[in-house]
Amino acid sequence: MVIIQLHTQGLGRDEVKEECESMCQYLYLHAGSDLKITSVYSQLSESINIGGRTGEMELLRGDKRLREKLLGVDFSISPNAFFQVNTQAAELLYDVIRQNVPPAEHTVLLDLCCGAGTIGLCLAKHVDKVIGIEINLEAVEDAKYNAKQNGIVNAEFVL
């Protein structure tokens, strides 16, 4: 998944659309197969600063959601939800956590800033309960969906 964030710099709507389509085509023609691009989104920004005000994301091409698997758990991730893209490193980290924090009776895993729920859902079978807390509504919805799709019933995710 690639997200093109574009500051309009006074460009008209048609010019912005043309520029986004041009970047999208370039990505698919020149890098798509090497980078395994599954989708391209555009997002207009009113600010030249990181963290500035941005518009809604628009799917230009490809799948609406990113799909990944970590430690046997399937994840569906929306473009605004946090997900660790280095999946091999994430799996190593989560396994180290599991090995070094042996569950005690009635263990509750508190997953702060849980994003799409990866840590909690990957470790859910090793604890009695997972509680994930996140400020991004889209990510909370992804985490709940991921728990349901994987049959994980001991996890709850809250905003």
N, C-alpha and C. Protein backbone atom coordinates (compact mmCIF):
# COMPACT_ATOMS: atom_id res chain seq x y z
N MET A 1 0.85 -1.17 0.00
CA MET A 1 0.00 0.00 0.00
C MET A 1 0.90 1.23 0.00
N VAL A 2 0.63 2.13 -0.93
CA VAL A 2 1.36 3.38 -1.02
C VAL A 2 0.36 4.51 -0.83
N ILE A 3 0.73 5.49 -0.01
CA ILE A 3 -0.11 6.67 0.19
C ILE A 3 0.66 7.88 -0.32
N ILE A 4 0.12 8.52 -1.34
CA ILE A 4 0.72 9.72 -1.90
C ILE A 4 0.08 10.91 -1.21
N GLN A 5 0.87 11.66 -0.48
CA GLN A 5 0.35 12.86 0.17
C GLN A 5 0.83 14.05 -0.64
N LEU A 6 -0.10 14.87 -1.08
CA LEU A 6 0.20 15.93 -2.03
C LEU A 6 -0.29 17.28 -1.51
N HIS A 7 0.62 18.23 -1.45
CA HIS A 7 0.24 19.62 -1.14
C HIS A 7 -0.15 20.25 -2.48
N THR A 8 -1.33 20.80 -2.57
CA THR A 8 -1.87 21.26 -3.85
C THR A 8 -1.15 22.48 -4.41
N GLN A 9 -0.55 23.30 -3.59
CA GLN A 9 0.23 24.47 -4.01
C GLN A 9 -0.48 25.29 -5.09
N GLY A 10 -1.78 25.47 -4.92
CA GLY A 10 -2.54 26.30 -5.85
C GLY A 10 -3.01 25.59 -7.10
N LEU A 11 -2.74 24.30 -7.23
CA LEU A 11 -3.20 23.56 -8.40
C LEU A 11 -4.72 23.40 -8.36
N GLY A 12 -5.33 23.37 -9.52
CA GLY A 12 -6.76 23.13 -9.62
C GLY A 12 -7.08 21.66 -9.43
N ARG A 13 -8.36 21.36 -9.24
CA ARG A 13 -8.81 19.99 -8.97
C ARG A 13 -8.37 19.02 -10.09
N ASP A 14 -8.53 19.42 -11.35
CA ASP A 14 -8.15 18.56 -12.47
C ASP A 14 -6.64 18.34 -12.52
N GLU A 15 -5.86 19.38 -12.21
CA GLU A 15 -4.40 19.25 -12.21
C GLU A 15 -3.94 18.31 -11.09
N VAL A 16 -4.57 18.41 -9.94
CA VAL A 16 -4.23 17.54 -8.82
C VAL A 16 -4.54 16.09 -9.19
N LYS A 17 -5.73 15.87 -9.76
CA LYS A 17 -6.13 14.52 -10.16
C LYS A 17 -5.15 13.96 -11.20
N GLU A 18 -4.74 14.77 -12.15
CA GLU A 18 -3.80 14.35 -13.18
C GLU A 18 -2.44 14.00 -12.57
N GLU A 19 -1.98 14.80 -11.63
CA GLU A 19 -0.69 14.55 -10.97
C GLU A 19 -0.73 13.25 -10.17
N CYS A 20 -1.81 13.03 -9.45
CA CYS A 20 -1.96 11.80 -8.67
C CYS A 20 -1.98 10.58 -9.58
N GLU A 21 -2.72 10.66 -10.68
CA GLU A 21 -2.79 9.55 -11.63
C GLU A 21 -1.42 9.29 -12.25
N SER A 22 -0.68 10.34 -12.54
CA SER A 22 0.66 10.20 -13.10
C SER A 22 1.59 9.47 -12.12
N MET A 23 1.54 9.85 -10.84
CA MET A 23 2.37 9.18 -9.83
C MET A 23 1.95 7.73 -9.66
N CYS A 24 0.66 7.49 -9.68
CA CYS A 24 0.13 6.15 -9.54
C CYS A 24 0.61 5.26 -10.68
N GLN A 25 0.51 5.76 -11.89
CA GLN A 25 0.97 5.00 -13.05
C GLN A 25 2.46 4.71 -12.97
N TYR A 26 3.24 5.71 -12.56
CA TYR A 26 4.69 5.51 -12.43
C TYR A 26 4.98 4.39 -11.44
N LEU A 27 4.31 4.42 -10.30
CA LEU A 27 4.55 3.40 -9.28
C LEU A 27 4.25 2.01 -9.81
N TYR A 28 3.13 1.85 -10.48
CA TYR A 28 2.75 0.53 -10.98
C TYR A 28 3.65 0.07 -12.13
N LEU A 29 4.03 0.99 -13.02
CA LEU A 29 4.84 0.61 -14.18
C LEU A 29 6.30 0.37 -13.83
N HIS A 30 6.84 1.15 -12.90
CA HIS A 30 8.28 1.10 -12.64
C HIS A 30 8.69 0.43 -11.34
N ALA A 31 7.76 0.32 -10.40
CA ALA A 31 8.16 -0.25 -9.12
C ALA A 31 7.17 -1.27 -8.59
N GLY A 32 6.01 -1.35 -9.20
CA GLY A 32 4.93 -2.19 -8.69
C GLY A 32 5.28 -3.63 -8.43
N SER A 33 5.95 -4.28 -9.36
CA SER A 33 6.24 -5.70 -9.17
C SER A 33 7.36 -5.90 -8.15
N ASP A 34 8.37 -5.04 -8.15
CA ASP A 34 9.47 -5.17 -7.19
C ASP A 34 9.01 -4.89 -5.76
N LEU A 35 8.15 -3.89 -5.60
CA LEU A 35 7.70 -3.48 -4.27
C LEU A 35 6.42 -4.18 -3.84
N LYS A 36 5.83 -4.96 -4.71
CA LYS A 36 4.58 -5.68 -4.42
C LYS A 36 3.49 -4.70 -3.97
N ILE A 37 3.31 -3.64 -4.73
CA ILE A 37 2.30 -2.64 -4.42
C ILE A 37 0.91 -3.25 -4.65
N THR A 38 0.07 -3.18 -3.63
CA THR A 38 -1.28 -3.73 -3.74
C THR A 38 -2.33 -2.65 -3.93
N SER A 39 -1.99 -1.41 -3.54
CA SER A 39 -2.94 -0.30 -3.69
C SER A 39 -2.20 1.02 -3.61
N VAL A 40 -2.84 2.04 -4.20
CA VAL A 40 -2.30 3.39 -4.13
C VAL A 40 -3.44 4.32 -3.73
N TYR A 41 -3.19 5.09 -2.68
CA TYR A 41 -4.13 6.10 -2.19
C TYR A 41 -3.51 7.48 -2.41
N SER A 42 -4.38 8.48 -2.53
CA SER A 42 -3.90 9.87 -2.52
C SER A 42 -4.55 10.58 -1.35
N GLN A 43 -3.86 11.57 -0.84
CA GLN A 43 -4.37 12.38 0.26
C GLN A 43 -3.84 13.79 0.07
N LEU A 44 -4.75 14.75 0.00
CA LEU A 44 -4.36 16.14 -0.17
C LEU A 44 -4.03 16.75 1.19
N SER A 45 -3.02 17.60 1.20
CA SER A 45 -2.59 18.25 2.43
C SER A 45 -2.65 19.76 2.26
N GLU A 46 -3.12 20.43 3.29
CA GLU A 46 -3.16 21.89 3.28
C GLU A 46 -1.91 22.48 3.93
N SER A 47 -1.03 21.62 4.41
CA SER A 47 0.13 22.07 5.15
C SER A 47 1.40 21.48 4.55
N ILE A 48 2.48 22.22 4.63
CA ILE A 48 3.76 21.67 4.19
C ILE A 48 4.51 21.03 5.36
N ASN A 49 3.92 21.06 6.54
CA ASN A 49 4.54 20.49 7.72
C ASN A 49 3.99 19.10 7.99
N ILE A 50 4.82 18.22 8.49
CA ILE A 50 4.39 16.89 8.90
C ILE A 50 3.40 17.05 10.04
N GLY A 51 2.32 16.31 9.97
CA GLY A 51 1.30 16.38 11.02
C GLY A 51 0.31 17.49 10.79
N GLY A 52 0.43 18.18 9.67
CA GLY A 52 -0.52 19.24 9.35
C GLY A 52 -1.86 18.67 8.93
N ARG A 53 -2.79 19.55 8.69
CA ARG A 53 -4.15 19.16 8.32
C ARG A 53 -4.16 18.47 6.95
N THR A 54 -4.81 17.31 6.89
CA THR A 54 -4.88 16.55 5.65
C THR A 54 -6.33 16.23 5.33
N GLY A 55 -6.57 15.92 4.06
CA GLY A 55 -7.91 15.56 3.62
C GLY A 55 -8.13 14.06 3.72
N GLU A 56 -9.29 13.65 3.24
CA GLU A 56 -9.63 12.23 3.21
C GLU A 56 -8.74 11.49 2.21
N MET A 57 -8.54 10.22 2.45
CA MET A 57 -7.77 9.42 1.51
C MET A 57 -8.70 8.94 0.40
N GLU A 58 -8.15 8.92 -0.81
CA GLU A 58 -8.90 8.45 -1.97
C GLU A 58 -8.14 7.28 -2.59
N LEU A 59 -8.82 6.17 -2.75
CA LEU A 59 -8.22 5.00 -3.38
C LEU A 59 -8.12 5.25 -4.87
N LEU A 60 -6.89 5.25 -5.40
CA LEU A 60 -6.68 5.46 -6.83
C LEU A 60 -6.68 4.15 -7.60
N ARG A 61 -6.10 3.12 -6.98
CA ARG A 61 -5.99 1.85 -7.67
C ARG A 61 -5.69 0.74 -6.66
N GLY A 62 -6.24 -0.44 -6.90
CA GLY A 62 -5.90 -1.60 -6.11
C GLY A 62 -6.88 -1.92 -5.00
N ASP A 63 -6.40 -2.71 -4.04
CA ASP A 63 -7.21 -3.18 -2.92
C ASP A 63 -7.44 -2.06 -1.90
N LYS A 64 -8.60 -2.07 -1.29
CA LYS A 64 -8.94 -1.05 -0.30
C LYS A 64 -8.14 -1.23 0.99
N ARG A 65 -7.80 -2.47 1.30
CA ARG A 65 -7.12 -2.78 2.56
C ARG A 65 -5.85 -3.59 2.32
N LEU A 66 -4.92 -3.45 3.23
CA LEU A 66 -3.69 -4.24 3.21
C LEU A 66 -3.97 -5.53 3.98
N ARG A 67 -3.49 -6.64 3.48
CA ARG A 67 -3.68 -7.92 4.15
C ARG A 67 -2.31 -8.52 4.45
N GLU A 68 -2.14 -8.90 5.70
CA GLU A 68 -0.87 -9.49 6.15
C GLU A 68 -1.17 -10.61 7.14
N LYS A 69 -0.16 -11.43 7.35
CA LYS A 69 -0.24 -12.51 8.34
C LYS A 69 0.96 -12.41 9.25
N LEU A 70 0.70 -12.46 10.56
CA LEU A 70 1.76 -12.45 11.58
C LEU A 70 1.52 -13.59 12.54
N LEU A 71 2.51 -14.43 12.73
CA LEU A 71 2.43 -15.54 13.69
C LEU A 71 1.13 -16.32 13.56
N GLY A 72 0.70 -16.54 12.33
CA GLY A 72 -0.51 -17.32 12.08
C GLY A 72 -1.82 -16.56 12.20
N VAL A 73 -1.76 -15.27 12.47
CA VAL A 73 -2.96 -14.45 12.61
C VAL A 73 -3.09 -13.58 11.37
N ASP A 74 -4.27 -13.60 10.75
CA ASP A 74 -4.53 -12.80 9.56
C ASP A 74 -4.98 -11.39 9.96
N PHE A 75 -4.43 -10.39 9.27
CA PHE A 75 -4.76 -9.00 9.55
C PHE A 75 -5.25 -8.31 8.30
N SER A 76 -6.27 -7.49 8.47
CA SER A 76 -6.80 -6.62 7.43
C SER A 76 -6.62 -5.20 7.97
N ILE A 77 -5.88 -4.37 7.22
CA ILE A 77 -5.48 -3.06 7.74
C ILE A 77 -5.95 -1.95 6.81
N SER A 78 -6.61 -0.96 7.36
CA SER A 78 -7.05 0.20 6.59
C SER A 78 -5.88 1.19 6.49
N PRO A 79 -5.94 2.13 5.55
CA PRO A 79 -4.79 3.01 5.33
C PRO A 79 -4.44 3.93 6.50
N ASN A 80 -5.37 4.24 7.37
CA ASN A 80 -5.08 5.13 8.50
C ASN A 80 -4.66 4.40 9.77
N ALA A 81 -4.70 3.09 9.77
CA ALA A 81 -4.36 2.32 10.97
C ALA A 81 -2.86 2.01 11.00
N PHE A 82 -2.28 2.01 12.21
CA PHE A 82 -0.87 1.67 12.32
C PHE A 82 -0.69 0.16 12.20
N PHE A 83 0.33 -0.22 11.43
CA PHE A 83 0.72 -1.61 11.30
C PHE A 83 2.23 -1.63 11.06
N GLN A 84 2.93 -2.48 11.80
CA GLN A 84 4.39 -2.60 11.63
C GLN A 84 4.67 -3.29 10.30
N VAL A 85 5.20 -2.54 9.35
CA VAL A 85 5.40 -3.10 8.01
C VAL A 85 6.57 -4.07 7.93
N ASN A 86 7.48 -4.02 8.88
CA ASN A 86 8.58 -5.00 8.91
C ASN A 86 8.06 -6.22 9.68
N THR A 87 7.33 -7.06 8.97
CA THR A 87 6.64 -8.18 9.63
C THR A 87 7.60 -9.20 10.24
N GLN A 88 8.75 -9.41 9.62
CA GLN A 88 9.71 -10.36 10.19
C GLN A 88 10.22 -9.86 11.54
N ALA A 89 10.53 -8.58 11.63
CA ALA A 89 10.99 -8.02 12.90
C ALA A 89 9.87 -8.05 13.94
N ALA A 90 8.65 -7.76 13.51
CA ALA A 90 7.51 -7.79 14.43
C ALA A 90 7.32 -9.19 15.00
N GLU A 91 7.41 -10.20 14.14
CA GLU A 91 7.25 -11.57 14.63
C GLU A 91 8.33 -11.93 15.63
N LEU A 92 9.57 -11.53 15.37
CA LEU A 92 10.66 -11.79 16.33
C LEU A 92 10.39 -11.10 17.66
N LEU A 93 9.99 -9.84 17.60
CA LEU A 93 9.70 -9.08 18.81
C LEU A 93 8.57 -9.72 19.61
N TYR A 94 7.48 -10.06 18.95
CA TYR A 94 6.33 -10.64 19.65
C TYR A 94 6.69 -11.99 20.26
N ASP A 95 7.54 -12.75 19.59
CA ASP A 95 7.97 -14.03 20.13
C ASP A 95 8.86 -13.83 21.35
N VAL A 96 9.73 -12.82 21.31
CA VAL A 96 10.57 -12.51 22.47
C VAL A 96 9.70 -12.09 23.65
N ILE A 97 8.68 -11.30 23.39
CA ILE A 97 7.75 -10.89 24.46
C ILE A 97 7.11 -12.14 25.06
N ARG A 98 6.60 -13.01 24.20
CA ARG A 98 5.93 -14.22 24.68
C ARG A 98 6.87 -15.08 25.53
N GLN A 99 8.12 -15.21 25.11
CA GLN A 99 9.07 -16.05 25.84
C GLN A 99 9.51 -15.43 27.16
N ASN A 100 9.59 -14.11 27.22
CA ASN A 100 10.13 -13.46 28.41
C ASN A 100 9.09 -12.94 29.39
N VAL A 101 7.86 -13.01 29.02
CA VAL A 101 6.79 -12.61 29.94
C VAL A 101 5.82 -13.78 30.04
N PRO A 102 6.24 -14.81 30.76
CA PRO A 102 5.37 -15.98 30.87
C PRO A 102 4.07 -15.60 31.59
N PRO A 103 2.96 -16.04 31.05
CA PRO A 103 1.68 -15.67 31.65
C PRO A 103 1.48 -16.30 33.02
N ALA A 104 0.94 -15.52 33.90
CA ALA A 104 0.53 -16.02 35.21
C ALA A 104 -0.98 -16.23 35.14
N GLU A 105 -1.52 -16.83 36.15
CA GLU A 105 -2.97 -17.04 36.17
C GLU A 105 -3.68 -15.69 36.09
N HIS A 106 -4.69 -15.62 35.28
CA HIS A 106 -5.51 -14.41 35.09
C HIS A 106 -4.72 -13.23 34.50
N THR A 107 -3.82 -13.51 33.59
CA THR A 107 -3.02 -12.46 32.96
C THR A 107 -3.87 -11.64 31.99
N VAL A 108 -3.77 -10.31 32.12
CA VAL A 108 -4.42 -9.40 31.19
C VAL A 108 -3.32 -8.65 30.45
N LEU A 109 -3.34 -8.73 29.13
CA LEU A 109 -2.36 -8.02 28.32
C LEU A 109 -2.99 -6.68 27.94
N LEU A 110 -2.38 -5.60 28.37
CA LEU A 110 -2.85 -4.25 28.06
C LEU A 110 -2.00 -3.73 26.91
N ASP A 111 -2.63 -3.58 25.74
CA ASP A 111 -1.93 -3.16 24.53
C ASP A 111 -2.26 -1.70 24.25
N LEU A 112 -1.37 -0.81 24.70
CA LEU A 112 -1.59 0.63 24.51
C LEU A 112 -1.12 1.04 23.12
N CYS A 113 -1.86 1.96 22.50
CA CYS A 113 -1.57 2.38 21.12
C CYS A 113 -1.53 1.15 20.23
N CYS A 114 -2.58 0.36 20.29
CA CYS A 114 -2.60 -0.99 19.69
C CYS A 114 -2.71 -1.03 18.17
N GLY A 115 -3.02 0.08 17.53
CA GLY A 115 -3.15 0.06 16.07
C GLY A 115 -4.17 -0.98 15.65
N ALA A 116 -3.83 -1.82 14.69
CA ALA A 116 -4.74 -2.84 14.16
C ALA A 116 -4.81 -4.08 15.07
N GLY A 117 -4.17 -4.01 16.24
CA GLY A 117 -4.28 -5.08 17.23
C GLY A 117 -3.24 -6.18 17.13
N THR A 118 -2.14 -5.92 16.45
CA THR A 118 -1.19 -7.00 16.17
C THR A 118 -0.58 -7.65 17.41
N ILE A 119 -0.09 -6.86 18.34
CA ILE A 119 0.57 -7.47 19.51
C ILE A 119 -0.45 -8.27 20.32
N GLY A 120 -1.56 -7.64 20.65
CA GLY A 120 -2.57 -8.32 21.46
C GLY A 120 -3.12 -9.57 20.81
N LEU A 121 -3.43 -9.50 19.51
CA LEU A 121 -4.02 -10.65 18.83
C LEU A 121 -3.01 -11.77 18.63
N CYS A 122 -1.75 -11.43 18.40
CA CYS A 122 -0.71 -12.46 18.24
C CYS A 122 -0.41 -13.17 19.56
N LEU A 123 -0.64 -12.49 20.68
CA LEU A 123 -0.34 -13.08 21.99
C LEU A 123 -1.60 -13.52 22.74
N ALA A 124 -2.77 -13.34 22.15
CA ALA A 124 -4.04 -13.60 22.83
C ALA A 124 -4.17 -15.03 23.36
N LYS A 125 -3.64 -16.01 22.63
CA LYS A 125 -3.78 -17.40 23.09
C LYS A 125 -2.90 -17.71 24.30
N HIS A 126 -2.01 -16.79 24.67
CA HIS A 126 -1.11 -17.01 25.80
C HIS A 126 -1.55 -16.27 27.07
N VAL A 127 -2.66 -15.54 26.99
CA VAL A 127 -3.16 -14.76 28.14
C VAL A 127 -4.66 -14.98 28.28
N ASP A 128 -5.18 -14.58 29.45
CA ASP A 128 -6.62 -14.72 29.67
C ASP A 128 -7.42 -13.66 28.92
N LYS A 129 -6.88 -12.44 28.84
CA LYS A 129 -7.62 -11.36 28.22
C LYS A 129 -6.66 -10.34 27.61
N VAL A 130 -7.09 -9.75 26.49
CA VAL A 130 -6.37 -8.67 25.85
C VAL A 130 -7.27 -7.44 25.85
N ILE A 131 -6.72 -6.32 26.26
CA ILE A 131 -7.43 -5.04 26.15
C ILE A 131 -6.53 -4.11 25.34
N GLY A 132 -7.01 -3.73 24.17
CA GLY A 132 -6.27 -2.83 23.30
C GLY A 132 -6.88 -1.44 23.36
N ILE A 133 -6.04 -0.42 23.49
CA ILE A 133 -6.49 0.97 23.56
C ILE A 133 -5.81 1.74 22.43
N GLU A 134 -6.61 2.52 21.70
CA GLU A 134 -6.11 3.23 20.52
C GLU A 134 -6.92 4.52 20.33
N ILE A 135 -6.27 5.58 19.83
CA ILE A 135 -6.99 6.84 19.60
C ILE A 135 -7.54 6.95 18.17
N ASN A 136 -7.16 6.04 17.30
CA ASN A 136 -7.61 6.08 15.91
C ASN A 136 -8.80 5.13 15.74
N LEU A 137 -9.98 5.70 15.45
CA LEU A 137 -11.20 4.91 15.33
C LEU A 137 -11.08 3.82 14.26
N GLU A 138 -10.49 4.16 13.12
CA GLU A 138 -10.32 3.19 12.04
C GLU A 138 -9.49 1.99 12.50
N ALA A 139 -8.44 2.25 13.27
CA ALA A 139 -7.59 1.18 13.78
C ALA A 139 -8.35 0.30 14.77
N VAL A 140 -9.16 0.91 15.63
CA VAL A 140 -9.97 0.13 16.59
C VAL A 140 -10.93 -0.78 15.83
N GLU A 141 -11.56 -0.24 14.79
CA GLU A 141 -12.47 -1.06 13.98
C GLU A 141 -11.72 -2.20 13.30
N ASP A 142 -10.51 -1.92 12.81
CA ASP A 142 -9.68 -2.97 12.20
C ASP A 142 -9.35 -4.05 13.23
N ALA A 143 -8.95 -3.65 14.43
CA ALA A 143 -8.58 -4.61 15.48
C ALA A 143 -9.77 -5.50 15.84
N LYS A 144 -10.95 -4.91 15.97
CA LYS A 144 -12.15 -5.71 16.28
C LYS A 144 -12.45 -6.68 15.14
N TYR A 145 -12.36 -6.20 13.92
CA TYR A 145 -12.59 -7.05 12.75
C TYR A 145 -11.58 -8.19 12.71
N ASN A 146 -10.31 -7.88 12.96
CA ASN A 146 -9.26 -8.90 12.93
C ASN A 146 -9.47 -9.96 14.00
N ALA A 147 -9.90 -9.54 15.19
CA ALA A 147 -10.19 -10.50 16.26
C ALA A 147 -11.31 -11.44 15.82
N LYS A 148 -12.38 -10.87 15.29
CA LYS A 148 -13.53 -11.67 14.87
C LYS A 148 -13.15 -12.64 13.74
N GLN A 149 -12.42 -12.14 12.73
CA GLN A 149 -12.04 -12.98 11.59
C GLN A 149 -11.13 -14.13 12.00
N ASN A 150 -10.38 -13.96 13.08
CA ASN A 150 -9.46 -15.00 13.55
C ASN A 150 -10.05 -15.85 14.67
N GLY A 151 -11.31 -15.57 15.03
CA GLY A 151 -11.96 -16.35 16.09
C GLY A 151 -11.37 -16.10 17.47
N ILE A 152 -10.81 -14.92 17.67
CA ILE A 152 -10.21 -14.58 18.97
C ILE A 152 -11.28 -13.87 19.80
N VAL A 153 -11.71 -14.53 20.88
CA VAL A 153 -12.83 -14.01 21.67
C VAL A 153 -12.41 -13.37 22.99
N ASN A 154 -11.13 -13.47 23.33
CA ASN A 154 -10.67 -12.90 24.61
C ASN A 154 -10.01 -11.54 24.44
N ALA A 155 -10.34 -10.84 23.36
CA ALA A 155 -9.74 -9.52 23.10
C ALA A 155 -10.83 -8.47 22.94
N GLU A 156 -10.58 -7.30 23.52
CA GLU A 156 -11.50 -6.18 23.33
C GLU A 156 -10.66 -4.96 23.02
N PHE A 157 -11.18 -4.11 22.14
CA PHE A 157 -10.45 -2.93 21.69
C PHE A 157 -11.33 -1.70 21.87
N VAL A 158 -10.74 -0.67 22.49
CA VAL A 158 -11.52 0.53 22.82
C VAL A 158 -10.81 1.78 22.34
N LEU A 159 -11.61 2.79 22.10
CA LEU A 159 -11.14 4.08 21.65
C LEU A 159 -10.72 4.92 22.84
